[in-house]
Amino acid sequence: MATPRNGGLTLKQQRFVQELPTASSQKDAALKAGYSPAGAKVEASLALTKPNVLAALAAQNQATTSEKVMSLLKRKERLSRLAEPDPEHPDPMRAIDILNRMESVYIEKAQVEQRIEIVVHGFFGEGTPLPDTQPPLAIEGKAGP
């Protein structure tokens, strides 16, 4: 188990707090903080339930809030202007990509493979073909390795 450090946060939690504002997702922040790819999404969710992590995020947010820092709305407006093609910014794709990430437009995809055993309980004996005219049968599913 990692030893708590600054403010009761582990080193990975500190990195997670630092990465979260600029990461494309909570999982991405956890990966950048050093969590394993297999557990990053779960670790990010767990971290966001811990009072010390939430307090560190609030403190970080407060520290970065000032009149000199653009608000989220101002950043979106500026990026929207950059997304419009013009001679000074001939390639708007970067601004559009950033806007899409801010709005969580991108969907994380994961491929899941699992063997499922299906047991059918009905009126017919084992190996008997089911006619199309019978009422629906109860289907019971059981996940397996």
C-alpha atoms as a PDB file:
ATOM      1  CA  MET A   1       0.000   0.000   0.000  1.00  0.00           C
ATOM      2  CA  ALA A   2       1.265   3.470  -0.852  1.00  0.00           C
ATOM      3  CA  THR A   3       2.255   5.711   2.013  1.00  0.00           C
ATOM      4  CA  PRO A   4       0.219   8.937   2.396  1.00  0.00           C
ATOM      5  CA  ARG A   5       2.264  12.073   1.903  1.00  0.00           C
ATOM      6  CA  ASN A   6       1.306  15.697   1.349  1.00  0.00           C
ATOM      7  CA  GLY A   7      -2.139  16.426   2.827  1.00  0.00           C
ATOM      8  CA  GLY A   8      -2.775  12.739   3.439  1.00  0.00           C
ATOM      9  CA  LEU A   9      -2.480  11.991  -0.283  1.00  0.00           C
ATOM     10  CA  THR A  10      -0.378   9.230  -1.753  1.00  0.00           C
ATOM     11  CA  LEU A  11       2.020  10.189  -4.533  1.00  0.00           C
ATOM     12  CA  LYS A  12      -0.367   8.740  -7.141  1.00  0.00           C
ATOM     13  CA  GLN A  13      -3.294  10.660  -5.641  1.00  0.00           C
ATOM     14  CA  GLN A  14      -1.241  13.878  -5.788  1.00  0.00           C
ATOM     15  CA  ARG A  15      -0.453  13.235  -9.451  1.00  0.00           C
ATOM     16  CA  PHE A  16      -4.115  12.380 -10.127  1.00  0.00           C
ATOM     17  CA  VAL A  17      -5.204  15.708  -8.611  1.00  0.00           C
ATOM     18  CA  GLN A  18      -2.620  17.542 -10.746  1.00  0.00           C
ATOM     19  CA  GLU A  19      -3.560  15.721 -13.983  1.00  0.00           C
ATOM     20  CA  LEU A  20      -7.358  15.765 -13.659  1.00  0.00           C
ATOM     21  CA  PRO A  21      -8.017  19.370 -14.826  1.00  0.00           C
ATOM     22  CA  THR A  22      -6.226  18.846 -18.150  1.00  0.00           C
ATOM     23  CA  ALA A  23      -6.899  15.154 -18.775  1.00  0.00           C
ATOM     24  CA  SER A  24      -9.457  14.055 -21.344  1.00  0.00           C
ATOM     25  CA  SER A  25     -11.148  11.797 -18.766  1.00  0.00           C
ATOM     26  CA  GLN A  26     -10.850  10.628 -15.172  1.00  0.00           C
ATOM     27  CA  LYS A  27      -9.334   7.372 -16.451  1.00  0.00           C
ATOM     28  CA  ASP A  28      -6.774   9.345 -18.483  1.00  0.00           C
ATOM     29  CA  ALA A  29      -5.790  11.323 -15.365  1.00  0.00           C
ATOM     30  CA  ALA A  30      -5.384   8.077 -13.423  1.00  0.00           C
ATOM     31  CA  LEU A  31      -3.195   6.604 -16.176  1.00  0.00           C
ATOM     32  CA  LYS A  32      -1.021   9.735 -16.223  1.00  0.00           C
ATOM     33  CA  ALA A  33      -0.793   9.518 -12.429  1.00  0.00           C
ATOM     34  CA  GLY A  34       0.703   6.049 -12.689  1.00  0.00           C
ATOM     35  CA  TYR A  35      -2.247   3.732 -12.067  1.00  0.00           C
ATOM     36  CA  SER A  36      -2.308   0.506 -14.076  1.00  0.00           C
ATOM     37  CA  PRO A  37      -4.364   0.477 -17.291  1.00  0.00           C
ATOM     38  CA  ALA A  38      -6.467  -2.401 -15.954  1.00  0.00           C
ATOM     39  CA  GLY A  39      -7.528  -0.522 -12.828  1.00  0.00           C
ATOM     40  CA  ALA A  40      -7.269   3.141 -13.817  1.00  0.00           C
ATOM     41  CA  LYS A  41     -11.001   3.740 -14.285  1.00  0.00           C
ATOM     42  CA  VAL A  42     -11.880   2.137 -10.932  1.00  0.00           C
ATOM     43  CA  GLU A  43      -9.032   3.907  -9.106  1.00  0.00           C
ATOM     44  CA  ALA A  44     -10.161   7.259 -10.525  1.00  0.00           C
ATOM     45  CA  SER A  45     -13.708   6.666  -9.325  1.00  0.00           C
ATOM     46  CA  LEU A  46     -12.505   5.570  -5.888  1.00  0.00           C
ATOM     47  CA  ALA A  47     -10.169   8.547  -5.572  1.00  0.00           C
ATOM     48  CA  LEU A  48     -13.070  10.914  -6.207  1.00  0.00           C
ATOM     49  CA  THR A  49     -14.920   9.498  -3.185  1.00  0.00           C
ATOM     50  CA  LYS A  50     -12.071  10.253  -0.763  1.00  0.00           C
ATOM     51  CA  PRO A  51     -12.434  13.474   1.255  1.00  0.00           C
ATOM     52  CA  ASN A  52      -8.699  14.267   1.129  1.00  0.00           C
ATOM     53  CA  VAL A  53      -8.644  13.977  -2.699  1.00  0.00           C
ATOM     54  CA  LEU A  54     -11.784  16.126  -3.007  1.00  0.00           C
ATOM     55  CA  ALA A  55     -10.260  18.710  -0.647  1.00  0.00           C
ATOM     56  CA  ALA A  56      -7.051  18.800  -2.716  1.00  0.00           C
ATOM     57  CA  LEU A  57      -9.081  19.268  -5.922  1.00  0.00           C
ATOM     58  CA  ALA A  58     -11.065  22.106  -4.328  1.00  0.00           C
ATOM     59  CA  ALA A  59      -7.863  23.774  -3.117  1.00  0.00           C
ATOM     60  CA  GLN A  60      -6.285  23.407  -6.557  1.00  0.00           C
ATOM     61  CA  ASN A  61      -9.382  24.871  -8.204  1.00  0.00           C
ATOM     62  CA  GLN A  62      -9.385  27.807  -5.793  1.00  0.00           C
ATOM     63  CA  ALA A  63      -5.689  28.445  -6.415  1.00  0.00           C
ATOM     64  CA  THR A  64      -6.194  28.587 -10.183  1.00  0.00           C
ATOM     65  CA  THR A  65      -9.241  30.843 -10.048  1.00  0.00           C
ATOM     66  CA  SER A  66      -8.438  34.471 -10.615  1.00  0.00           C
ATOM     67  CA  GLU A  67      -9.495  37.268 -12.923  1.00  0.00           C
ATOM     68  CA  LYS A  68      -6.374  36.663 -15.020  1.00  0.00           C
ATOM     69  CA  VAL A  69      -7.386  33.060 -15.767  1.00  0.00           C
ATOM     70  CA  MET A  70      -9.966  32.538 -18.502  1.00  0.00           C
ATOM     71  CA  SER A  71     -13.192  30.964 -17.349  1.00  0.00           C
ATOM     72  CA  LEU A  72     -14.385  27.758 -18.976  1.00  0.00           C
ATOM     73  CA  LEU A  73     -16.940  29.718 -20.973  1.00  0.00           C
ATOM     74  CA  LYS A  74     -14.294  32.219 -22.189  1.00  0.00           C
ATOM     75  CA  ARG A  75     -11.998  29.346 -23.225  1.00  0.00           C
ATOM     76  CA  LYS A  76     -14.812  27.678 -25.146  1.00  0.00           C
ATOM     77  CA  GLU A  77     -15.651  30.954 -26.877  1.00  0.00           C
ATOM     78  CA  ARG A  78     -11.993  31.527 -27.808  1.00  0.00           C
ATOM     79  CA  LEU A  79     -11.574  27.962 -29.064  1.00  0.00           C
ATOM     80  CA  SER A  80     -14.787  28.322 -31.055  1.00  0.00           C
ATOM     81  CA  ARG A  81     -13.335  31.386 -32.790  1.00  0.00           C
ATOM     82  CA  LEU A  82     -10.116  29.463 -33.503  1.00  0.00           C
ATOM     83  CA  ALA A  83     -12.154  26.599 -34.941  1.00  0.00           C
ATOM     84  CA  GLU A  84     -13.393  28.913 -37.699  1.00  0.00           C
ATOM     85  CA  PRO A  85     -10.884  28.748 -40.580  1.00  0.00           C
ATOM     86  CA  ASP A  86      -9.097  31.992 -41.371  1.00  0.00           C
ATOM     87  CA  PRO A  87      -5.692  32.937 -42.822  1.00  0.00           C
ATOM     88  CA  GLU A  88      -4.083  33.187 -39.361  1.00  0.00           C
ATOM     89  CA  HIS A  89      -5.378  29.770 -38.258  1.00  0.00           C
ATOM     90  CA  PRO A  90      -5.689  27.660 -41.420  1.00  0.00           C
ATOM     91  CA  ASP A  91      -6.133  24.359 -39.531  1.00  0.00           C
ATOM     92  CA  PRO A  92      -8.971  24.513 -37.002  1.00  0.00           C
ATOM     93  CA  MET A  93      -8.803  20.796 -36.119  1.00  0.00           C
ATOM     94  CA  ARG A  94      -6.797  21.238 -32.904  1.00  0.00           C
ATOM     95  CA  ALA A  95      -9.287  23.759 -31.507  1.00  0.00           C
ATOM     96  CA  ILE A  96     -12.194  21.513 -32.495  1.00  0.00           C
ATOM     97  CA  ASP A  97     -10.489  18.529 -30.828  1.00  0.00           C
ATOM     98  CA  ILE A  98      -9.975  20.483 -27.597  1.00  0.00           C
ATOM     99  CA  LEU A  99     -13.598  21.654 -27.629  1.00  0.00           C
ATOM    100  CA  ASN A 100     -14.771  18.078 -28.176  1.00  0.00           C
ATOM    101  CA  ARG A 101     -12.705  16.870 -25.215  1.00  0.00           C
ATOM    102  CA  MET A 102     -14.051  19.676 -23.008  1.00  0.00           C
ATOM    103  CA  GLU A 103     -17.585  18.619 -23.903  1.00  0.00           C
ATOM    104  CA  SER A 104     -16.841  14.869 -23.504  1.00  0.00           C
ATOM    105  CA  VAL A 105     -17.872  14.225 -27.090  1.00  0.00           C
ATOM    106  CA  TYR A 106     -15.478  11.324 -27.487  1.00  0.00           C
ATOM    107  CA  ILE A 107     -16.613   7.940 -26.224  1.00  0.00           C
ATOM    108  CA  GLU A 108     -14.192   5.458 -24.708  1.00  0.00           C
ATOM    109  CA  LYS A 109     -14.657   2.052 -26.229  1.00  0.00           C
ATOM    110  CA  ALA A 110     -13.680  -1.233 -24.653  1.00  0.00           C
ATOM    111  CA  GLN A 111     -13.935  -4.707 -26.073  1.00  0.00           C
ATOM    112  CA  VAL A 112     -15.262  -7.253 -23.618  1.00  0.00           C
ATOM    113  CA  GLU A 113     -15.259 -10.974 -24.237  1.00  0.00           C
ATOM    114  CA  GLN A 114     -16.964 -13.386 -21.889  1.00  0.00           C
ATOM    115  CA  ARG A 115     -18.308 -16.901 -22.242  1.00  0.00           C
ATOM    116  CA  ILE A 116     -21.973 -17.148 -21.285  1.00  0.00           C
ATOM    117  CA  GLU A 117     -23.785 -20.381 -20.576  1.00  0.00           C
ATOM    118  CA  ILE A 118     -27.516 -20.242 -21.323  1.00  0.00           C
ATOM    119  CA  VAL A 119     -29.903 -22.777 -19.824  1.00  0.00           C
ATOM    120  CA  VAL A 120     -33.329 -22.993 -21.435  1.00  0.00           C
ATOM    121  CA  HIS A 121     -36.221 -24.291 -19.346  1.00  0.00           C
ATOM    122  CA  GLY A 122     -39.302 -25.257 -21.319  1.00  0.00           C
ATOM    123  CA  PHE A 123     -41.910 -27.804 -22.192  1.00  0.00           C
ATOM    124  CA  PHE A 124     -39.696 -30.027 -24.320  1.00  0.00           C
ATOM    125  CA  GLY A 125     -37.087 -32.608 -23.457  1.00  0.00           C
ATOM    126  CA  GLU A 126     -33.399 -32.164 -24.093  1.00  0.00           C
ATOM    127  CA  GLY A 127     -32.524 -32.250 -27.771  1.00  0.00           C
ATOM    128  CA  THR A 128     -36.109 -31.683 -28.928  1.00  0.00           C
ATOM    129  CA  PRO A 129     -36.384 -28.845 -31.447  1.00  0.00           C
ATOM    130  CA  LEU A 130     -38.614 -25.986 -30.305  1.00  0.00           C
ATOM    131  CA  PRO A 131     -41.503 -25.145 -32.618  1.00  0.00           C
ATOM    132  CA  ASP A 132     -41.966 -21.503 -33.594  1.00  0.00           C
ATOM    133  CA  THR A 133     -45.556 -21.419 -32.297  1.00  0.00           C
ATOM    134  CA  GLN A 134     -44.828 -22.034 -28.620  1.00  0.00           C
ATOM    135  CA  PRO A 135     -44.960 -19.236 -26.013  1.00  0.00           C
ATOM    136  CA  PRO A 136     -41.654 -17.635 -24.955  1.00  0.00           C
ATOM    137  CA  LEU A 137     -39.480 -19.750 -22.677  1.00  0.00           C
ATOM    138  CA  ALA A 138     -37.762 -18.651 -19.498  1.00  0.00           C
ATOM    139  CA  ILE A 139     -34.052 -18.129 -20.108  1.00  0.00           C
ATOM    140  CA  GLU A 140     -31.583 -18.212 -17.266  1.00  0.00           C
ATOM    141  CA  GLY A 141     -28.065 -16.888 -17.864  1.00  0.00           C
ATOM    142  CA  LYS A 142     -24.877 -17.711 -16.003  1.00  0.00           C
ATOM    143  CA  ALA A 143     -21.507 -16.070 -16.718  1.00  0.00           C
ATOM    144  CA  GLY A 144     -18.509 -18.341 -16.876  1.00  0.00           C
ATOM    145  CA  PRO A 145     -14.758 -18.068 -17.423  1.00  0.00           C
END
